[in-house]
Amino acid sequence: MDITNLPLALIDEDKDQPRYQFGEEALQELMRSIEELGLLSPIKVRNTGDGRYKIIYGNRRYKASVMLGKETIPCIVTDVTDETEIYLEQIAENLTREGFSPIEEAEAFDKLLNGGKFNSSVKFLANKLGKTETYIKNKCELLKFGKAVKKLIVSGTEIRAGVLTEDQLLPLKDLPMEHRDPLALIVARDALPVSDVKRIAKLFKDKEMSAATKDKLLFKTGHELLETWATFEQNKKYRAEAAKAKAAQEEERQRKQQEAAAQKAAQDQEDASVKPVIPQASPQVSGIISAASPSTPSNPDVPSQQELSIGSAEPAAAPLAPERASLVAKLDKSLHAATSPIPVTEAELRALADLTGEEALELATRIDELLLRLETSRQIWTNVKDAISAGSVSS
């Protein structure tokens, strides 16, 4: 590898190179290093064929040397002309340098994938750059965010207020733009860890929550959003358990109905198969019976069967079993606790429009609790009624 000192006046910057953000403080530090120690690494340039050279990599070193008033700079000269190879080499070089931002990296990948003169594939880039396909795809996801968010994206994983890491942003990437960017700015302002960002993203992805409610949540702080997430998840779990219990009750009710129907069908079939046989008396026996049956009883002191039937009183009702007595007492208690419907006025309904998101969520949660209690009570007494019906059918 030959190194040649070339005049700075013959070297042009590559305006299309991947890296375009140069921090002033870092540039000043590089200038001090070159002034004290000299340029430790040469820059790489390509011959453009007109006696001039264009930088492949080393723009910062070139800028620092110009600012220091240097006349020449050590260079590695190449004659390569393939644009894709040049751009890949620029990316590979910058990946090893500090300060190559995630957005610069994402834009470089996107240019190779979708640029008119490149049209590379993710697999091709991964092989050339020694990165995984997931790494490249995740970097490109950062381009979904708006300019205000992109300016805050920094390298590394350290969580700091006022900046954003790639890990903080990726959970938000699939949200609509109207929620994605405002949430990203909240995450940056409140320095939320990745685990909390994932919870907030889950809240905004939930289809049970209306878009209007989500819009109102954007006025909350990050910690308030986490409290809302916790409440929402608890309510979802409560509703899921209630629905599961209701489904189990409905399944049990249907099972009992099927059993009762099966028992009735079996009984009907059994009754249909047994036909009573009434024996016919012979004429001789009939004559004897007629002769032995006077119109009046032989003993007037003995009441006839008809008299016994008419004169006998109904048997006294047996006392209720303890279980039935307990059931009746519970029914009386439930009827006593039930109140008449309380009407809600139109004015009260209109006032709901002024509720904050938190107030609306709290009120909806209490209504869900009331409805669940009413539904549970209704299901209990429906089961009792079904049991009564099943008992009547079977008897």
Protein backbone atom coordinates (compact mmCIF):
# COMPACT_ATOMS: atom_id res chain seq x y z
CA MET A 1 0.00 0.00 0.00
CA ASP A 2 1.72 3.14 -1.24
CA ILE A 3 1.18 6.44 0.57
CA THR A 4 1.63 9.66 -1.37
CA ASN A 5 1.60 13.25 -0.17
CA LEU A 6 -0.84 15.14 -2.39
CA PRO A 7 -1.56 18.88 -2.47
CA LEU A 8 -4.81 19.69 -0.66
CA ALA A 9 -5.69 22.01 -3.52
CA LEU A 10 -6.06 19.01 -5.86
CA ILE A 11 -8.39 17.06 -3.58
CA ASP A 12 -12.18 17.38 -3.62
CA GLU A 13 -14.63 16.23 -0.98
CA ASP A 14 -17.22 13.58 -1.85
CA LYS A 15 -20.56 15.27 -1.19
CA ASP A 16 -22.40 11.92 -1.50
CA GLN A 17 -20.45 10.08 1.14
CA PRO A 18 -22.44 8.47 4.03
CA ARG A 19 -21.07 10.68 6.79
CA TYR A 20 -22.07 14.33 6.72
CA GLN A 21 -22.39 15.28 10.41
CA PHE A 22 -19.17 16.63 11.87
CA GLY A 23 -19.29 17.93 15.42
CA GLU A 24 -17.36 21.15 15.90
CA GLU A 25 -15.92 20.05 19.24
CA ALA A 26 -14.64 16.74 17.80
CA LEU A 27 -13.17 18.57 14.81
CA GLN A 28 -11.27 20.98 17.08
CA GLU A 29 -9.94 18.05 19.07
CA LEU A 30 -8.72 16.38 15.84
CA MET A 31 -6.98 19.60 14.79
CA ARG A 32 -5.09 19.73 18.10
CA SER A 33 -4.04 16.10 17.67
CA ILE A 34 -2.74 16.69 14.11
CA GLU A 35 -0.88 19.81 15.22
CA GLU A 36 0.84 17.99 18.06
CA LEU A 37 1.40 14.51 16.63
CA GLY A 38 0.86 14.87 12.91
CA LEU A 39 -1.66 12.92 10.82
CA LEU A 40 -1.45 9.32 12.06
CA SER A 41 -3.68 7.76 9.36
CA PRO A 42 -3.67 8.70 5.67
CA ILE A 43 -6.87 9.47 3.83
CA LYS A 44 -7.96 7.47 0.79
CA VAL A 45 -8.68 9.13 -2.55
CA ARG A 46 -9.46 8.03 -6.09
CA ASN A 47 -8.10 9.45 -9.31
CA THR A 48 -10.89 11.19 -11.23
CA GLY A 49 -8.89 11.24 -14.49
CA ASP A 50 -8.57 15.00 -14.81
CA GLY A 51 -5.55 15.47 -12.61
CA ARG A 52 -7.69 15.79 -9.52
CA TYR A 53 -8.68 13.41 -6.72
CA LYS A 54 -11.89 12.73 -4.79
CA ILE A 55 -11.96 11.55 -1.18
CA ILE A 56 -13.22 8.00 -0.51
CA TYR A 57 -12.79 8.28 3.25
CA GLY A 58 -11.04 10.70 5.58
CA ASN A 59 -13.21 13.83 5.18
CA ARG A 60 -12.69 14.91 8.81
CA ARG A 61 -8.91 14.62 8.53
CA TYR A 62 -9.04 16.55 5.26
CA LYS A 63 -11.16 19.33 6.85
CA ALA A 64 -8.87 19.57 9.89
CA SER A 65 -5.78 19.79 7.68
CA VAL A 66 -7.35 22.56 5.58
CA MET A 67 -8.30 24.50 8.71
CA LEU A 68 -4.71 24.15 9.98
CA GLY A 69 -3.38 25.62 6.72
CA LYS A 70 -1.56 22.46 5.63
CA GLU A 71 -0.49 22.32 1.99
CA THR A 72 -0.28 18.54 1.55
CA ILE A 73 -1.82 15.45 3.13
CA PRO A 74 -0.76 11.75 3.12
CA CYS A 75 -3.03 9.79 0.75
CA ILE A 76 -3.69 6.26 -0.44
CA VAL A 77 -4.51 6.59 -4.14
CA THR A 78 -6.75 4.11 -5.98
CA ASP A 79 -8.17 3.94 -9.49
CA VAL A 80 -11.38 2.12 -8.52
CA THR A 81 -14.44 3.39 -10.36
CA ASP A 82 -17.27 1.05 -9.24
CA GLU A 83 -19.71 3.31 -7.33
CA THR A 84 -21.13 0.47 -5.22
CA GLU A 85 -17.71 -0.71 -4.11
CA ILE A 86 -16.67 2.85 -3.27
CA TYR A 87 -19.83 3.50 -1.21
CA LEU A 88 -19.53 0.17 0.63
CA GLU A 89 -15.91 1.00 1.50
CA GLN A 90 -16.98 4.41 2.81
CA ILE A 91 -19.64 2.79 5.02
CA ALA A 92 -17.25 0.10 6.28
CA GLU A 93 -14.63 2.72 7.17
CA ASN A 94 -17.13 4.94 8.98
CA LEU A 95 -18.54 2.02 10.96
CA THR A 96 -15.15 1.76 12.65
CA ARG A 97 -15.07 5.47 13.46
CA GLU A 98 -16.61 7.22 16.44
CA GLY A 99 -19.38 9.67 15.66
CA PHE A 100 -21.01 7.85 12.74
CA SER A 101 -24.63 8.42 13.78
CA PRO A 102 -27.39 5.76 13.52
CA ILE A 103 -29.34 8.02 11.14
CA GLU A 104 -26.31 8.46 8.83
CA GLU A 105 -25.91 4.70 8.90
CA ALA A 106 -29.62 4.12 8.19
CA GLU A 107 -29.62 6.58 5.31
CA ALA A 108 -26.53 4.92 3.83
CA PHE A 109 -28.19 1.48 3.97
CA ASP A 110 -31.39 2.88 2.48
CA LYS A 111 -29.45 4.51 -0.35
CA LEU A 112 -27.82 1.20 -1.26
CA LEU A 113 -31.12 -0.68 -1.03
CA ASN A 114 -33.39 1.80 -2.79
CA GLY A 115 -31.08 4.20 -4.61
CA GLY A 116 -31.46 4.18 -8.38
CA LYS A 117 -27.81 3.46 -9.11
CA PHE A 118 -27.33 0.75 -6.46
CA ASN A 119 -30.45 -1.40 -5.86
CA SER A 120 -28.62 -3.82 -3.56
CA SER A 121 -30.30 -6.44 -1.38
CA VAL A 122 -30.23 -6.72 2.40
CA LYS A 123 -28.47 -10.06 2.11
CA PHE A 124 -25.78 -8.56 -0.15
CA LEU A 125 -25.12 -5.69 2.30
CA ALA A 126 -25.02 -8.05 5.26
CA ASN A 127 -22.37 -10.20 3.57
CA LYS A 128 -20.29 -7.23 2.41
CA LEU A 129 -20.35 -5.34 5.71
CA GLY A 130 -20.24 -8.29 8.11
CA LYS A 131 -23.57 -7.35 9.69
CA THR A 132 -26.74 -9.39 10.22
CA GLU A 133 -29.79 -8.76 8.07
CA THR A 134 -31.74 -7.84 11.23
CA TYR A 135 -29.13 -5.20 12.07
CA ILE A 136 -29.58 -3.54 8.68
CA LYS A 137 -33.39 -3.75 8.75
CA ASN A 138 -33.60 -2.25 12.25
CA LYS A 139 -31.37 0.65 11.23
CA CYS A 140 -33.65 1.40 8.27
CA GLU A 141 -36.69 1.43 10.59
CA LEU A 142 -35.31 4.62 12.15
CA LEU A 143 -36.11 6.47 8.93
CA LYS A 144 -39.84 6.17 9.71
CA PHE A 145 -39.54 8.92 12.32
CA GLY A 146 -39.80 12.64 11.61
CA LYS A 147 -36.98 15.19 11.56
CA ALA A 148 -37.54 16.35 15.14
CA VAL A 149 -37.03 12.79 16.40
CA LYS A 150 -34.13 11.96 14.04
CA LYS A 151 -32.12 14.89 15.39
CA LEU A 152 -32.22 13.33 18.88
CA ILE A 153 -30.98 9.86 17.87
CA VAL A 154 -27.50 9.05 19.16
CA SER A 155 -25.20 6.03 19.13
CA GLY A 156 -24.89 3.66 22.04
CA THR A 157 -27.36 2.36 24.61
CA GLU A 158 -27.00 4.86 27.47
CA ILE A 159 -30.37 6.37 28.47
CA ARG A 160 -30.11 10.15 28.83
CA ALA A 161 -32.65 12.96 28.94
CA GLY A 162 -33.02 14.84 25.68
CA VAL A 163 -31.64 12.13 23.39
CA LEU A 164 -32.87 8.81 21.98
CA THR A 165 -31.19 5.47 21.39
CA GLU A 166 -32.11 2.99 18.71
CA ASP A 167 -33.37 0.54 21.36
CA GLN A 168 -35.75 3.16 22.76
CA LEU A 169 -37.25 3.88 19.34
CA LEU A 170 -37.71 0.42 17.86
CA PRO A 171 -40.74 -0.50 20.05
CA LEU A 172 -42.55 2.57 18.64
CA LYS A 173 -41.72 2.04 14.96
CA ASP A 174 -45.02 0.36 13.96
CA LEU A 175 -47.32 2.96 15.54
CA PRO A 176 -49.12 5.55 13.36
CA MET A 177 -47.12 8.74 12.79
CA GLU A 178 -49.58 10.82 14.86
CA HIS A 179 -48.72 8.70 17.92
CA ARG A 180 -45.20 7.50 17.07
CA ASP A 181 -43.34 10.82 17.00
CA PRO A 182 -45.08 12.49 20.00
CA LEU A 183 -44.40 9.37 22.09
CA ALA A 184 -40.74 9.38 20.99
CA LEU A 185 -40.38 12.96 22.19
CA ILE A 186 -41.99 12.02 25.54
CA VAL A 187 -39.53 9.12 25.85
CA ALA A 188 -36.61 11.49 25.18
CA ARG A 189 -37.86 14.15 27.60
CA ASP A 190 -38.47 11.71 30.47
CA ALA A 191 -35.49 9.40 29.72
CA LEU A 192 -37.66 6.28 29.83
CA PRO A 193 -35.93 2.88 29.82
CA VAL A 194 -36.61 0.45 26.98
CA SER A 195 -38.83 -1.80 29.13
CA ASP A 196 -41.16 1.13 29.88
CA VAL A 197 -41.24 2.17 26.21
CA LYS A 198 -42.38 -1.35 25.31
CA ARG A 199 -45.26 -1.11 27.81
CA ILE A 200 -46.39 2.26 26.44
CA ALA A 201 -46.16 0.93 22.86
CA LYS A 202 -48.33 -2.04 23.86
CA LEU A 203 -50.92 0.35 25.30
CA PHE A 204 -51.11 2.33 22.05
CA LYS A 205 -51.28 -0.84 19.91
CA ASP A 206 -54.29 -2.18 21.83
CA LYS A 207 -57.34 -2.17 19.57
CA GLU A 208 -59.77 -2.03 22.51
CA MET A 209 -58.72 1.58 23.20
CA SER A 210 -60.19 4.21 20.88
CA ALA A 211 -58.04 6.58 18.83
CA ALA A 212 -59.61 9.55 20.64
CA THR A 213 -58.51 8.18 24.03
CA LYS A 214 -55.00 7.59 22.69
CA ASP A 215 -54.87 11.18 21.45
CA LYS A 216 -55.70 12.42 24.96
CA LEU A 217 -52.99 10.23 26.48
CA LEU A 218 -50.34 12.12 24.50
CA PHE A 219 -50.73 15.01 26.95
CA LYS A 220 -49.50 12.84 29.84
CA THR A 221 -45.96 12.42 31.09
CA GLY A 222 -44.10 9.18 30.60
CA HIS A 223 -44.73 8.05 34.17
CA GLU A 224 -48.44 8.90 33.89
CA LEU A 225 -48.60 6.79 30.75
CA LEU A 226 -47.09 3.88 32.66
CA GLU A 227 -49.75 4.24 35.37
CA THR A 228 -52.43 4.24 32.66
CA TRP A 229 -50.90 1.11 31.14
CA ALA A 230 -50.94 -0.67 34.50
CA THR A 231 -54.61 0.24 35.11
CA PHE A 232 -55.61 -0.74 31.58
CA GLU A 233 -53.87 -4.11 31.81
CA GLN A 234 -55.47 -4.82 35.19
CA ASN A 235 -58.92 -4.04 33.81
CA LYS A 236 -58.30 -6.23 30.76
CA LYS A 237 -57.29 -9.11 33.00
CA TYR A 238 -60.38 -8.57 35.17
CA ARG A 239 -62.67 -8.55 32.13
CA ALA A 240 -61.00 -11.63 30.68
CA GLU A 241 -61.48 -13.54 33.94
CA ALA A 242 -65.12 -12.45 34.09
CA ALA A 243 -65.71 -13.53 30.49
CA LYS A 244 -64.05 -16.86 31.20
CA ALA A 245 -66.25 -17.41 34.26
CA LYS A 246 -69.35 -16.46 32.28
CA ALA A 247 -68.43 -18.85 29.49
CA ALA A 248 -67.91 -21.64 32.02
CA GLN A 249 -71.33 -20.93 33.57
CA GLU A 250 -72.97 -20.93 30.15
CA GLU A 251 -71.26 -24.21 29.29
CA GLU A 252 -72.48 -25.75 32.56
CA ARG A 253 -76.02 -24.49 31.93
CA GLN A 254 -76.07 -26.01 28.46
CA ARG A 255 -74.68 -29.28 29.80
CA LYS A 256 -77.47 -29.49 32.37
CA GLN A 257 -80.08 -28.70 29.73
CA GLN A 258 -78.70 -31.44 27.50
CA GLU A 259 -78.69 -33.91 30.40
CA ALA A 260 -82.29 -33.02 31.26
CA ALA A 261 -83.35 -33.36 27.63
CA ALA A 262 -81.58 -36.73 27.36
CA GLN A 263 -83.26 -37.99 30.56
CA LYS A 264 -86.68 -36.89 29.32
CA ALA A 265 -86.12 -38.57 25.95
CA ALA A 266 -85.05 -41.79 27.66
CA GLN A 267 -88.09 -41.69 29.96
CA ASP A 268 -90.45 -41.05 27.05
CA GLN A 269 -88.94 -43.98 25.16
CA GLU A 270 -89.29 -46.23 28.20
CA ASP A 271 -92.94 -45.18 28.74
CA ALA A 272 -93.73 -45.83 25.09
CA SER A 273 -92.24 -49.34 25.21
CA VAL A 274 -94.31 -50.47 28.26
CA LYS A 275 -98.04 -50.98 27.46
CA PRO A 276 -100.32 -51.86 30.43
CA VAL A 277 -102.20 -55.20 30.09
CA ILE A 278 -105.73 -55.19 31.60
CA PRO A 279 -106.93 -58.78 32.19
CA GLN A 280 -110.45 -59.59 31.00
CA ALA A 281 -112.65 -61.44 33.47
CA SER A 282 -114.48 -64.54 32.26
CA PRO A 283 -118.29 -64.42 32.11
CA GLN A 284 -118.55 -66.76 35.07
CA VAL A 285 -116.34 -64.58 37.23
CA SER A 286 -118.19 -61.45 36.12
CA GLY A 287 -121.45 -62.99 37.21
CA ILE A 288 -120.08 -63.89 40.60
CA ILE A 289 -118.70 -60.37 41.09
CA SER A 290 -122.02 -58.81 40.11
CA ALA A 291 -123.89 -61.04 42.50
CA ALA A 292 -121.54 -60.23 45.35
CA SER A 293 -121.70 -56.44 44.82
CA PRO A 294 -124.94 -54.97 46.29
CA SER A 295 -125.80 -51.36 45.63
CA THR A 296 -125.47 -50.53 49.31
CA PRO A 297 -122.63 -51.58 51.58
CA SER A 298 -123.33 -54.60 53.82
CA ASN A 299 -121.80 -52.76 56.77
CA PRO A 300 -123.02 -49.14 57.06
CA ASP A 301 -120.38 -48.38 59.69
CA VAL A 302 -117.57 -48.84 57.19
CA PRO A 303 -117.26 -45.85 54.85
CA SER A 304 -117.06 -46.47 51.17
CA GLN A 305 -113.95 -45.72 49.10
CA GLN A 306 -115.70 -42.64 47.65
CA GLU A 307 -116.50 -41.40 51.12
CA LEU A 308 -112.92 -41.92 52.19
CA SER A 309 -111.75 -39.97 49.18
CA ILE A 310 -114.11 -37.05 49.77
CA GLY A 311 -113.72 -36.86 53.49
CA SER A 312 -109.98 -37.13 53.71
CA ALA A 313 -107.98 -33.85 54.24
CA GLU A 314 -104.86 -32.83 52.25
CA PRO A 315 -101.63 -33.89 53.96
CA ALA A 316 -99.69 -31.07 55.72
CA ALA A 317 -96.79 -29.58 53.76
CA ALA A 318 -93.41 -30.93 54.82
CA PRO A 319 -90.93 -28.35 56.18
CA LEU A 320 -88.37 -27.08 53.67
CA ALA A 321 -84.99 -28.83 53.60
CA PRO A 322 -82.14 -26.67 55.03
CA GLU A 323 -80.59 -26.17 51.55
CA ARG A 324 -83.87 -24.97 50.05
CA ALA A 325 -84.52 -22.71 53.02
CA SER A 326 -81.06 -21.19 52.55
CA LEU A 327 -81.75 -20.66 48.82
CA VAL A 328 -85.08 -18.92 49.52
CA ALA A 329 -83.40 -16.68 52.09
CA LYS A 330 -80.74 -15.69 49.56
CA LEU A 331 -83.42 -14.90 46.99
CA ASP A 332 -85.26 -12.68 49.46
CA LYS A 333 -82.01 -10.91 50.29
CA SER A 334 -81.21 -10.33 46.60
CA LEU A 335 -84.70 -8.96 45.91
CA HIS A 336 -84.41 -6.64 48.89
CA ALA A 337 -80.98 -5.40 47.73
CA ALA A 338 -82.14 -4.75 44.16
CA THR A 339 -83.23 -1.19 43.47
CA SER A 340 -85.34 0.37 40.79
CA PRO A 341 -83.44 1.62 37.69
CA ILE A 342 -81.91 5.05 38.25
CA PRO A 343 -82.34 7.17 35.09
CA VAL A 344 -79.42 9.20 33.70
CA THR A 345 -80.35 12.62 32.34
CA GLU A 346 -79.30 14.07 29.00
CA ALA A 347 -77.41 16.83 30.80
CA GLU A 348 -75.40 14.24 32.71
CA LEU A 349 -74.54 12.44 29.47
CA ARG A 350 -73.43 15.68 27.83
CA ALA A 351 -71.17 16.44 30.77
CA LEU A 352 -69.14 13.31 29.94
CA ALA A 353 -67.58 15.16 27.01
CA ASP A 354 -65.58 17.27 29.47
CA LEU A 355 -63.93 14.32 31.19
CA THR A 356 -60.16 14.02 31.07
CA GLY A 357 -58.68 10.77 29.77
CA GLU A 358 -57.90 9.61 33.30
CA GLU A 359 -61.39 10.48 34.60
CA ALA A 360 -63.02 8.72 31.66
CA LEU A 361 -60.92 5.61 32.25
CA GLU A 362 -61.78 5.55 35.97
CA LEU A 363 -65.52 6.00 35.32
CA ALA A 364 -65.54 3.31 32.63
CA THR A 365 -63.76 0.94 35.01
CA ARG A 366 -66.42 1.47 37.72
CA ILE A 367 -69.23 0.95 35.21
CA ASP A 368 -67.57 -2.28 34.07
CA GLU A 369 -67.49 -3.41 37.71
CA LEU A 370 -71.23 -2.63 38.16
CA LEU A 371 -72.16 -4.43 34.94
CA LEU A 372 -70.08 -7.44 35.94
CA ARG A 373 -71.80 -7.68 39.32
CA LEU A 374 -75.25 -7.39 37.74
CA GLU A 375 -74.36 -9.96 35.09
CA THR A 376 -72.94 -12.34 37.71
CA SER A 377 -76.13 -12.03 39.83
CA ARG A 378 -78.32 -12.54 36.74
CA GLN A 379 -76.37 -15.65 35.75
CA ILE A 380 -76.61 -17.14 39.27
CA TRP A 381 -80.43 -16.86 39.38
CA THR A 382 -80.71 -17.98 35.76
CA ASN A 383 -78.91 -21.18 36.78
CA VAL A 384 -81.34 -21.61 39.68
CA LYS A 385 -84.31 -21.14 37.37
CA ASP A 386 -82.85 -23.62 34.87
CA ALA A 387 -82.40 -26.12 37.68
CA ILE A 388 -86.09 -25.67 38.65
CA SER A 389 -87.14 -26.21 35.02
CA ALA A 390 -84.92 -29.28 34.72
CA GLY A 391 -86.43 -30.71 37.90
CA SER A 392 -89.97 -30.14 36.62
CA VAL A 393 -89.16 -31.87 33.32
CA SER A 394 -87.54 -34.86 34.96
CA SER A 395 -90.49 -35.36 37.37
